N, C-alpha and C. Protein backbone atom coordinates (compact mmCIF):
# COMPACT_ATOMS: atom_id res chain seq x y z
N MET A 1 73.99 67.37 182.38
CA MET A 1 73.37 66.30 181.60
C MET A 1 72.71 66.89 180.35
N TYR A 2 73.43 67.05 179.31
CA TYR A 2 72.91 67.53 178.03
C TYR A 2 72.29 68.91 178.12
N ASP A 3 72.98 69.83 178.79
CA ASP A 3 72.54 71.21 178.81
C ASP A 3 73.11 71.97 177.62
N LYS A 4 73.97 71.30 176.87
CA LYS A 4 74.55 71.90 175.67
C LYS A 4 73.81 71.36 174.45
N PRO A 5 74.02 71.96 173.29
CA PRO A 5 73.34 71.46 172.08
C PRO A 5 73.68 69.99 171.81
N VAL A 6 72.69 69.25 171.38
CA VAL A 6 72.86 67.84 171.01
C VAL A 6 72.66 67.75 169.50
N PHE A 7 73.73 67.47 168.78
CA PHE A 7 73.66 67.43 167.33
C PHE A 7 73.13 66.09 166.86
N LEU A 8 72.05 66.15 166.07
CA LEU A 8 71.37 64.94 165.58
C LEU A 8 70.97 65.12 164.13
N THR A 9 70.99 64.01 163.40
CA THR A 9 70.37 64.02 162.08
C THR A 9 68.86 63.89 162.30
N ARG A 10 68.08 64.12 161.27
CA ARG A 10 66.63 63.94 161.41
C ARG A 10 66.31 62.50 161.80
N GLU A 11 67.02 61.56 161.17
CA GLU A 11 66.82 60.14 161.47
C GLU A 11 67.17 59.85 162.93
N GLY A 12 68.26 60.43 163.42
CA GLY A 12 68.67 60.23 164.81
C GLY A 12 67.64 60.77 165.78
N ARG A 13 67.08 61.94 165.47
CA ARG A 13 66.05 62.51 166.35
C ARG A 13 64.82 61.61 166.36
N GLN A 14 64.43 61.10 165.20
CA GLN A 14 63.27 60.21 165.12
C GLN A 14 63.50 58.95 165.95
N LYS A 15 64.71 58.41 165.93
CA LYS A 15 65.01 57.21 166.73
C LYS A 15 64.89 57.51 168.22
N LEU A 16 65.41 58.66 168.64
CA LEU A 16 65.31 59.02 170.05
C LEU A 16 63.86 59.24 170.46
N GLU A 17 63.08 59.89 169.59
CA GLU A 17 61.66 60.10 169.89
C GLU A 17 60.91 58.78 169.96
N ALA A 18 61.26 57.82 169.09
CA ALA A 18 60.61 56.50 169.12
C ALA A 18 60.97 55.76 170.41
N GLU A 19 62.23 55.85 170.82
CA GLU A 19 62.65 55.22 172.07
C GLU A 19 61.91 55.83 173.25
N LEU A 20 61.79 57.15 173.26
CA LEU A 20 61.08 57.85 174.34
C LEU A 20 59.62 57.41 174.39
N LYS A 21 58.97 57.34 173.25
CA LYS A 21 57.57 56.90 173.19
C LYS A 21 57.43 55.48 173.73
N PHE A 22 58.34 54.59 173.32
CA PHE A 22 58.32 53.20 173.79
C PHE A 22 58.48 53.13 175.31
N LEU A 23 59.43 53.89 175.83
CA LEU A 23 59.65 53.87 177.28
C LEU A 23 58.44 54.39 178.04
N ARG A 24 57.84 55.46 177.56
CA ARG A 24 56.67 56.04 178.24
C ARG A 24 55.44 55.14 178.12
N ASP A 25 55.18 54.64 176.89
CA ASP A 25 53.93 53.93 176.62
C ASP A 25 53.97 52.44 176.93
N VAL A 26 55.16 51.83 176.90
CA VAL A 26 55.26 50.38 177.07
C VAL A 26 56.04 50.01 178.34
N ARG A 27 57.29 50.44 178.42
CA ARG A 27 58.15 50.01 179.53
C ARG A 27 57.68 50.54 180.88
N ARG A 28 57.31 51.81 180.94
CA ARG A 28 56.88 52.39 182.22
C ARG A 28 55.69 51.62 182.80
N PRO A 29 54.61 51.37 182.01
CA PRO A 29 53.50 50.59 182.56
C PRO A 29 53.88 49.15 182.91
N GLU A 30 54.77 48.53 182.11
CA GLU A 30 55.20 47.16 182.42
C GLU A 30 55.91 47.11 183.78
N VAL A 31 56.81 48.05 184.00
CA VAL A 31 57.55 48.08 185.25
C VAL A 31 56.62 48.38 186.42
N ALA A 32 55.68 49.29 186.24
CA ALA A 32 54.72 49.59 187.30
C ALA A 32 53.92 48.34 187.67
N GLU A 33 53.55 47.56 186.68
CA GLU A 33 52.81 46.33 186.93
C GLU A 33 53.68 45.31 187.67
N ARG A 34 54.96 45.22 187.31
CA ARG A 34 55.88 44.31 188.01
C ARG A 34 56.00 44.70 189.48
N ILE A 35 56.08 45.99 189.74
CA ILE A 35 56.20 46.46 191.12
C ILE A 35 54.93 46.10 191.89
N LYS A 36 53.79 46.35 191.30
CA LYS A 36 52.51 46.05 191.94
C LYS A 36 52.39 44.56 192.26
N THR A 37 52.74 43.72 191.28
CA THR A 37 52.66 42.27 191.45
C THR A 37 53.63 41.80 192.53
N ALA A 38 54.83 42.33 192.51
CA ALA A 38 55.83 41.92 193.51
C ALA A 38 55.38 42.30 194.92
N LYS A 39 54.73 43.43 195.07
CA LYS A 39 54.23 43.86 196.39
C LYS A 39 53.13 42.93 196.89
N GLU A 40 52.25 42.52 195.95
CA GLU A 40 51.10 41.67 196.34
C GLU A 40 51.51 40.28 196.78
N PHE A 41 52.57 39.74 196.17
CA PHE A 41 52.92 38.35 196.42
C PHE A 41 53.98 38.15 197.48
N SER A 42 54.34 39.18 198.19
CA SER A 42 55.39 39.00 199.17
C SER A 42 54.99 39.58 200.52
N ASP A 43 55.24 38.76 201.54
CA ASP A 43 55.03 39.22 202.90
C ASP A 43 56.35 39.60 203.54
N SER A 44 57.42 39.10 202.97
CA SER A 44 58.73 39.31 203.60
C SER A 44 59.30 40.68 203.28
N THR A 45 60.18 41.12 204.13
CA THR A 45 60.83 42.40 203.90
C THR A 45 61.95 42.26 202.87
N ASP A 46 62.38 41.04 202.63
CA ASP A 46 63.45 40.78 201.66
C ASP A 46 62.82 40.26 200.37
N ASN A 47 62.41 41.19 199.50
CA ASN A 47 61.71 40.82 198.27
C ASN A 47 62.60 41.20 197.08
N ALA A 48 63.31 40.21 196.55
CA ALA A 48 64.26 40.46 195.46
C ALA A 48 63.55 40.94 194.20
N GLU A 49 62.38 40.38 193.91
CA GLU A 49 61.63 40.78 192.71
C GLU A 49 61.22 42.24 192.80
N PHE A 50 60.78 42.66 193.97
CA PHE A 50 60.38 44.05 194.18
C PHE A 50 61.58 44.98 194.00
N GLU A 51 62.71 44.63 194.60
CA GLU A 51 63.92 45.46 194.49
C GLU A 51 64.39 45.55 193.04
N GLU A 52 64.34 44.44 192.34
CA GLU A 52 64.75 44.44 190.92
C GLU A 52 63.83 45.32 190.09
N ALA A 53 62.53 45.24 190.35
CA ALA A 53 61.56 46.06 189.61
C ALA A 53 61.76 47.54 189.92
N LYS A 54 62.05 47.87 191.17
CA LYS A 54 62.31 49.27 191.54
C LYS A 54 63.58 49.79 190.85
N ASN A 55 64.61 48.95 190.76
CA ASN A 55 65.83 49.33 190.06
C ASN A 55 65.57 49.56 188.58
N GLU A 56 64.76 48.69 188.00
CA GLU A 56 64.42 48.85 186.59
C GLU A 56 63.61 50.14 186.38
N GLN A 57 62.71 50.43 187.31
CA GLN A 57 61.93 51.66 187.23
C GLN A 57 62.86 52.89 187.26
N ALA A 58 63.85 52.85 188.12
CA ALA A 58 64.79 53.98 188.21
C ALA A 58 65.55 54.13 186.90
N PHE A 59 65.96 53.02 186.30
CA PHE A 59 66.66 53.09 185.02
C PHE A 59 65.76 53.68 183.94
N VAL A 60 64.53 53.18 183.84
CA VAL A 60 63.59 53.65 182.81
C VAL A 60 63.31 55.14 183.00
N GLU A 61 63.05 55.57 184.21
CA GLU A 61 62.77 56.98 184.47
C GLU A 61 63.99 57.85 184.17
N GLY A 62 65.17 57.36 184.51
CA GLY A 62 66.39 58.10 184.20
C GLY A 62 66.61 58.25 182.70
N ARG A 63 66.36 57.17 181.97
CA ARG A 63 66.52 57.22 180.52
C ARG A 63 65.49 58.16 179.89
N ILE A 64 64.27 58.16 180.40
CA ILE A 64 63.23 59.08 179.91
C ILE A 64 63.69 60.52 180.11
N LEU A 65 64.20 60.85 181.28
CA LEU A 65 64.69 62.21 181.53
C LEU A 65 65.83 62.58 180.60
N THR A 66 66.76 61.65 180.37
CA THR A 66 67.88 61.90 179.47
C THR A 66 67.40 62.15 178.06
N LEU A 67 66.50 61.32 177.58
CA LEU A 67 65.97 61.49 176.22
C LEU A 67 65.22 62.81 176.07
N GLU A 68 64.42 63.16 177.08
CA GLU A 68 63.69 64.44 177.02
C GLU A 68 64.66 65.61 176.91
N LYS A 69 65.74 65.58 177.69
CA LYS A 69 66.75 66.64 177.63
C LYS A 69 67.43 66.68 176.27
N MET A 70 67.83 65.50 175.77
CA MET A 70 68.52 65.43 174.49
C MET A 70 67.64 65.97 173.36
N ILE A 71 66.39 65.55 173.34
CA ILE A 71 65.46 66.00 172.29
C ILE A 71 65.19 67.50 172.44
N GLY A 72 65.05 67.95 173.67
CA GLY A 72 64.81 69.37 173.92
C GLY A 72 65.97 70.26 173.48
N ASN A 73 67.18 69.74 173.52
CA ASN A 73 68.37 70.51 173.14
C ASN A 73 68.89 70.13 171.75
N ALA A 74 68.08 69.40 171.00
CA ALA A 74 68.53 68.91 169.69
C ALA A 74 68.73 70.05 168.70
N VAL A 75 69.83 69.94 167.97
CA VAL A 75 70.11 70.81 166.84
C VAL A 75 70.25 69.87 165.64
N ILE A 76 69.37 70.05 164.67
CA ILE A 76 69.34 69.13 163.53
C ILE A 76 70.51 69.42 162.59
N ILE A 77 71.21 68.36 162.23
CA ILE A 77 72.32 68.44 161.28
C ILE A 77 71.72 68.28 159.89
N GLU A 78 71.91 69.26 159.07
CA GLU A 78 71.47 69.16 157.67
C GLU A 78 72.62 68.56 156.88
N SER A 79 72.39 67.45 156.25
CA SER A 79 73.46 66.79 155.50
C SER A 79 73.37 67.16 154.02
N ASP A 80 73.62 68.44 153.75
CA ASP A 80 73.67 68.90 152.36
C ASP A 80 74.93 68.34 151.72
N HIS A 81 74.79 67.84 150.51
CA HIS A 81 75.95 67.30 149.81
C HIS A 81 76.60 68.39 148.97
N GLY A 82 77.82 68.15 148.58
CA GLY A 82 78.49 69.07 147.68
C GLY A 82 79.35 70.11 148.38
N HIS A 83 79.61 69.95 149.67
CA HIS A 83 80.48 70.89 150.37
C HIS A 83 81.93 70.47 150.22
N ASP A 84 82.81 71.44 150.24
CA ASP A 84 84.22 71.12 150.10
C ASP A 84 84.96 71.13 151.43
N ILE A 85 84.22 71.28 152.52
CA ILE A 85 84.80 71.29 153.86
C ILE A 85 84.06 70.26 154.71
N VAL A 86 84.80 69.50 155.50
CA VAL A 86 84.19 68.52 156.39
C VAL A 86 83.47 69.24 157.52
N ARG A 87 82.21 68.86 157.75
CA ARG A 87 81.42 69.43 158.83
C ARG A 87 80.49 68.37 159.36
N LEU A 88 79.72 68.70 160.37
CA LEU A 88 78.75 67.75 160.91
C LEU A 88 77.82 67.28 159.79
N GLY A 89 77.62 65.99 159.71
CA GLY A 89 76.76 65.42 158.68
C GLY A 89 77.52 64.99 157.44
N SER A 90 78.78 65.39 157.31
CA SER A 90 79.58 65.02 156.13
C SER A 90 79.98 63.56 156.19
N SER A 91 80.03 62.94 155.02
CA SER A 91 80.66 61.63 154.87
C SER A 91 82.03 61.89 154.27
N VAL A 92 83.04 61.35 154.90
CA VAL A 92 84.42 61.63 154.51
C VAL A 92 85.14 60.33 154.21
N THR A 93 85.80 60.28 153.06
CA THR A 93 86.64 59.14 152.73
C THR A 93 88.08 59.55 152.97
N VAL A 94 88.79 58.74 153.76
CA VAL A 94 90.18 59.01 154.09
C VAL A 94 91.02 57.78 153.78
N VAL A 95 92.32 57.99 153.68
CA VAL A 95 93.26 56.89 153.55
C VAL A 95 94.31 57.07 154.64
N ASP A 96 94.67 55.96 155.32
CA ASP A 96 95.65 56.07 156.39
C ASP A 96 97.06 55.81 155.86
N GLN A 97 98.05 55.84 156.75
CA GLN A 97 99.44 55.69 156.35
C GLN A 97 99.75 54.33 155.74
N GLU A 98 98.89 53.34 155.97
CA GLU A 98 99.09 52.02 155.37
C GLU A 98 98.35 51.86 154.05
N GLY A 99 97.66 52.91 153.61
CA GLY A 99 96.92 52.86 152.35
C GLY A 99 95.52 52.31 152.48
N GLU A 100 95.08 52.11 153.69
CA GLU A 100 93.73 51.56 153.93
C GLU A 100 92.70 52.69 153.89
N ARG A 101 91.67 52.49 153.08
CA ARG A 101 90.60 53.49 152.96
C ARG A 101 89.53 53.24 154.02
N GLN A 102 89.01 54.35 154.52
CA GLN A 102 87.92 54.31 155.50
C GLN A 102 86.93 55.39 155.12
N GLU A 103 85.67 55.13 155.39
CA GLU A 103 84.66 56.18 155.23
C GLU A 103 84.00 56.42 156.56
N TYR A 104 83.93 57.69 156.94
CA TYR A 104 83.31 58.09 158.20
C TYR A 104 82.20 59.09 157.91
N THR A 105 81.16 59.04 158.70
CA THR A 105 80.15 60.08 158.70
C THR A 105 80.25 60.76 160.06
N ILE A 106 80.39 62.08 160.05
CA ILE A 106 80.56 62.84 161.28
C ILE A 106 79.17 63.17 161.84
N VAL A 107 78.87 62.64 163.02
CA VAL A 107 77.55 62.83 163.64
C VAL A 107 77.74 63.31 165.08
N GLY A 108 76.64 63.71 165.70
CA GLY A 108 76.66 64.04 167.13
C GLY A 108 76.80 62.77 167.95
N SER A 109 77.25 62.91 169.18
CA SER A 109 77.55 61.74 170.01
C SER A 109 76.39 60.77 170.24
N PRO A 110 75.11 61.20 170.28
CA PRO A 110 74.04 60.22 170.49
C PRO A 110 73.86 59.23 169.33
N GLU A 111 74.39 59.57 168.16
CA GLU A 111 74.19 58.71 166.98
C GLU A 111 75.40 57.86 166.62
N VAL A 112 76.44 57.89 167.43
CA VAL A 112 77.66 57.17 167.12
C VAL A 112 77.37 55.68 166.92
N ASN A 113 77.95 55.14 165.84
CA ASN A 113 77.86 53.71 165.56
C ASN A 113 79.08 53.33 164.73
N PRO A 114 80.18 52.96 165.38
CA PRO A 114 81.42 52.67 164.64
C PRO A 114 81.26 51.59 163.57
N ARG A 115 80.41 50.62 163.79
CA ARG A 115 80.21 49.56 162.78
C ARG A 115 79.64 50.12 161.49
N GLN A 116 78.87 51.21 161.58
CA GLN A 116 78.32 51.85 160.40
C GLN A 116 79.17 53.02 159.93
N GLY A 117 80.33 53.22 160.57
CA GLY A 117 81.22 54.31 160.19
C GLY A 117 80.78 55.66 160.70
N LYS A 118 79.84 55.69 161.65
CA LYS A 118 79.36 56.96 162.22
C LYS A 118 80.21 57.28 163.44
N ILE A 119 80.98 58.38 163.33
CA ILE A 119 81.84 58.78 164.44
C ILE A 119 81.41 60.15 164.95
N SER A 120 81.69 60.40 166.21
CA SER A 120 81.28 61.64 166.85
C SER A 120 82.16 62.81 166.43
N ASN A 121 81.55 63.97 166.38
CA ASN A 121 82.30 65.19 166.16
C ASN A 121 83.22 65.50 167.34
N GLU A 122 82.99 64.82 168.46
CA GLU A 122 83.80 65.02 169.66
C GLU A 122 84.92 63.99 169.80
N SER A 123 84.92 62.96 168.94
CA SER A 123 85.98 61.94 168.99
C SER A 123 87.27 62.54 168.43
N PRO A 124 88.41 61.94 168.75
CA PRO A 124 89.67 62.47 168.21
C PRO A 124 89.70 62.54 166.68
N VAL A 125 89.24 61.49 166.00
CA VAL A 125 89.24 61.50 164.53
C VAL A 125 88.22 62.50 164.00
N GLY A 126 87.03 62.50 164.57
CA GLY A 126 85.99 63.43 164.14
C GLY A 126 86.43 64.88 164.31
N ARG A 127 86.99 65.19 165.48
CA ARG A 127 87.48 66.55 165.74
C ARG A 127 88.57 66.95 164.75
N ALA A 128 89.48 66.01 164.46
CA ALA A 128 90.59 66.31 163.55
C ALA A 128 90.12 66.53 162.12
N LEU A 129 89.04 65.86 161.71
CA LEU A 129 88.56 65.99 160.33
C LEU A 129 87.71 67.23 160.10
N LEU A 130 87.04 67.72 161.14
CA LEU A 130 86.18 68.89 160.97
C LEU A 130 86.97 70.08 160.42
N GLY A 131 86.42 70.72 159.39
CA GLY A 131 87.05 71.89 158.80
C GLY A 131 88.10 71.57 157.75
N ARG A 132 88.37 70.30 157.51
CA ARG A 132 89.40 69.90 156.53
C ARG A 132 88.82 69.87 155.13
N LYS A 133 89.72 69.89 154.14
CA LYS A 133 89.36 69.86 152.72
C LYS A 133 90.00 68.64 152.07
N ILE A 134 89.53 68.34 150.87
CA ILE A 134 90.12 67.24 150.09
C ILE A 134 91.61 67.52 149.91
N GLY A 135 92.43 66.52 150.16
CA GLY A 135 93.88 66.65 150.04
C GLY A 135 94.57 66.98 151.34
N ASP A 136 93.83 67.43 152.34
CA ASP A 136 94.44 67.76 153.64
C ASP A 136 94.97 66.50 154.32
N GLN A 137 96.07 66.66 155.02
CA GLN A 137 96.67 65.61 155.82
C GLN A 137 96.40 65.95 157.29
N VAL A 138 96.01 64.96 158.07
CA VAL A 138 95.80 65.19 159.50
C VAL A 138 96.50 64.11 160.30
N GLU A 139 96.97 64.49 161.46
CA GLU A 139 97.52 63.55 162.42
C GLU A 139 96.60 63.53 163.63
N VAL A 140 96.27 62.34 164.06
CA VAL A 140 95.34 62.18 165.17
C VAL A 140 95.99 61.30 166.22
N VAL A 141 95.98 61.77 167.45
CA VAL A 141 96.49 60.95 168.55
C VAL A 141 95.35 60.05 169.01
N VAL A 142 95.57 58.75 168.88
CA VAL A 142 94.60 57.74 169.29
C VAL A 142 95.28 56.81 170.29
N PRO A 143 94.53 55.99 171.02
CA PRO A 143 95.16 55.12 172.02
C PRO A 143 96.29 54.25 171.44
N ALA A 144 96.19 53.87 170.18
CA ALA A 144 97.22 53.01 169.58
C ALA A 144 98.44 53.79 169.09
N GLY A 145 98.40 55.11 169.18
CA GLY A 145 99.53 55.91 168.70
C GLY A 145 99.04 57.10 167.89
N ILE A 146 99.81 57.43 166.85
CA ILE A 146 99.45 58.55 165.99
C ILE A 146 98.94 57.99 164.66
N LEU A 147 97.78 58.44 164.27
CA LEU A 147 97.14 58.02 163.03
C LEU A 147 97.27 59.16 162.04
N GLN A 148 97.81 58.86 160.86
CA GLN A 148 97.93 59.88 159.80
C GLN A 148 96.89 59.58 158.74
N LEU A 149 96.06 60.59 158.44
CA LEU A 149 94.98 60.42 157.48
C LEU A 149 95.09 61.48 156.40
N SER A 150 94.71 61.09 155.18
CA SER A 150 94.58 62.03 154.07
C SER A 150 93.13 62.04 153.64
N VAL A 151 92.56 63.22 153.46
CA VAL A 151 91.15 63.35 153.05
C VAL A 151 91.08 63.15 151.54
N LEU A 152 90.33 62.12 151.11
CA LEU A 152 90.19 61.83 149.68
C LEU A 152 88.91 62.39 149.08
N ALA A 153 87.82 62.32 149.84
CA ALA A 153 86.53 62.77 149.32
C ALA A 153 85.63 63.22 150.46
N ILE A 154 84.76 64.16 150.14
CA ILE A 154 83.78 64.68 151.09
C ILE A 154 82.43 64.65 150.41
N ASP A 155 81.47 64.03 151.04
CA ASP A 155 80.12 63.98 150.47
C ASP A 155 79.12 64.47 151.49
C-alpha cells in the first residue's frame, strides 16, 4: 500500500493534506458521535445504524492510513517549463491519427483527472509519452485498439 514513491505536484500534496486534516478533525469525530448515539438508543442486538456507523468508521480510518502513507512517501514533481523531453509534470500536446489534438499533463496516479487532461505516468498513454520529444511518433495499445500519437508541443 504505497510503499513506493508517490509522485505529486505541490497542489496535489496540499489537496491530500487538506483531505487528511478534514478526515481527522471533522469526519472522525462525527463518526464517533454516530457510534455513541447508535449504542445509546438501541437495546437490540440487530442495530443497523450502529453497524453502518462502524463501517463508516472503518472506511474513514482506512482512508486516513492511506493518505498518511501517500504523503509520507510523496515525491514532489517540479513542473519546470521549457524542457524538450516529456517527463512527470509536463503538459504535452499531441495529435492522433484522426488529426484530433489533445493536451495531457503527466502526473502521479493520486492526481489523475481525465476531465482535466491529467493522466498518470503509469497509464498506457502516460508511459508511452515519457521521454519523448517534439515530433516523436508513439503507438499505444489501449482497450479500443492501437492509438497513434504525434508529439506537437511540450510545456
